[in-house]
């Protein structure tokens, strides 16, 4: 059995788009929190210049499945014009 996978995703909204980015993340959180293998998926920092989503997955396989899922696709689509730069993903 593999160890849990911890990571943080940092979102930098375009000027004036903080609340739209936050709403998109909140919608995704509701959907992803119920995915198989999701141990943690929550917004841990929300400032006007950045939002940080902290994730924990039971295994790499669960993370891989999540990464290819519709929730991530929908989130990426809804954020495509709202972010100042690509999402920064850091393994913890």
Protein backbone atom coordinates (compact mmCIF):
# COMPACT_ATOMS: atom_id res chain seq x y z
CA UNK A 1 0.00 0.00 0.00
CA UNK A 2 1.38 3.41 -0.92
CA UNK A 3 1.68 6.37 1.42
CA UNK A 4 -0.78 9.27 1.23
CA UNK A 5 0.08 12.03 -1.26
CA UNK A 6 0.03 15.62 0.05
CA UNK A 7 0.09 18.65 -2.19
CA UNK A 8 -0.86 22.29 -2.48
CA UNK A 9 -2.26 24.07 -5.50
CA UNK A 10 -1.77 27.85 -5.62
CA UNK A 11 -4.10 29.98 -7.74
CA UNK A 12 -3.22 33.59 -8.62
CA UNK A 13 -6.37 35.39 -9.80
CA UNK A 14 -6.39 38.18 -12.34
CA UNK A 15 -7.04 41.56 -10.79
CA UNK A 16 -10.70 41.79 -9.82
CA UNK A 17 -11.35 38.06 -10.23
CA UNK A 18 -10.70 36.84 -6.66
CA UNK A 19 -14.34 36.11 -5.84
CA UNK A 20 -14.99 34.27 -9.11
CA UNK A 21 -11.91 32.09 -8.58
CA UNK A 22 -12.93 31.42 -4.97
CA UNK A 23 -16.45 30.44 -6.05
CA UNK A 24 -15.10 28.06 -8.72
CA UNK A 25 -12.86 26.43 -6.12
CA UNK A 26 -15.69 26.11 -3.61
CA UNK A 27 -17.84 24.35 -6.21
CA UNK A 28 -14.98 21.97 -7.05
CA UNK A 29 -14.31 21.26 -3.37
CA UNK A 30 -17.90 20.09 -2.85
CA UNK A 31 -17.59 17.66 -5.75
CA UNK A 32 -14.03 16.42 -5.13
CA UNK A 33 -14.40 15.88 -1.38
CA UNK A 34 -16.56 12.84 -2.19
CA UNK A 35 -14.12 11.26 -4.65
CA UNK A 36 -12.69 7.87 -3.77
CA UNK A 37 -9.33 8.28 -2.02
CA UNK A 38 -9.74 11.98 -1.18
CA UNK A 39 -8.61 12.49 2.40
CA UNK A 40 -8.40 16.30 2.32
CA UNK A 41 -9.36 18.90 -0.27
CA UNK A 42 -9.80 22.33 1.25
CA UNK A 43 -9.07 25.98 0.75
CA UNK A 44 -6.41 26.81 3.35
CA UNK A 45 -5.50 30.34 2.29
CA UNK A 46 -7.62 32.96 0.58
CA UNK A 47 -6.14 36.42 0.05
CA UNK A 48 -6.86 38.83 -2.76
CA UNK A 49 -3.56 37.90 -4.46
CA UNK A 50 -3.71 34.10 -4.04
CA UNK A 51 -5.78 31.12 -3.04
CA UNK A 52 -4.21 27.90 -1.79
CA UNK A 53 -5.91 24.54 -1.97
CA UNK A 54 -4.44 21.78 0.22
CA UNK A 55 -5.00 18.21 -0.88
CA UNK A 56 -4.31 14.77 0.49
CA UNK A 57 -4.92 11.58 -1.48
CA UNK A 58 -4.80 8.01 -0.20
CA UNK A 59 -2.44 6.96 -3.00
CA UNK A 60 -0.83 8.06 -6.25
CA UNK A 61 -3.44 6.02 -8.08
CA UNK A 62 -6.26 8.01 -6.46
CA UNK A 63 -4.53 11.30 -7.33
CA UNK A 64 -4.01 10.17 -10.92
CA UNK A 65 -7.69 9.26 -11.24
CA UNK A 66 -8.69 12.63 -9.74
CA UNK A 67 -6.36 14.50 -12.09
CA UNK A 68 -8.11 12.98 -15.12
CA UNK A 69 -11.64 13.38 -13.73
CA UNK A 70 -14.45 15.67 -14.72
CA UNK A 71 -14.18 17.85 -11.59
CA UNK A 72 -10.64 18.91 -12.52
CA UNK A 73 -11.60 19.40 -16.16
CA UNK A 74 -14.58 21.55 -15.17
CA UNK A 75 -12.48 23.58 -12.73
CA UNK A 76 -9.74 24.17 -15.30
CA UNK A 77 -12.33 25.29 -17.83
CA UNK A 78 -14.02 27.69 -15.40
CA UNK A 79 -10.67 29.20 -14.36
CA UNK A 80 -9.14 29.47 -17.83
CA UNK A 81 -9.73 33.23 -18.18
CA UNK A 82 -9.59 34.11 -14.47
CA UNK A 83 -5.99 33.31 -13.54
CA UNK A 84 -2.94 35.54 -13.96
CA UNK A 85 -0.63 32.53 -14.29
CA UNK A 86 -0.85 28.73 -14.46
CA UNK A 87 -1.76 26.88 -11.27
CA UNK A 88 1.35 26.08 -9.21
CA UNK A 89 1.27 22.54 -7.84
CA UNK A 90 3.68 21.61 -5.02
CA UNK A 91 4.13 18.17 -3.49
CA UNK A 92 4.49 18.39 0.30
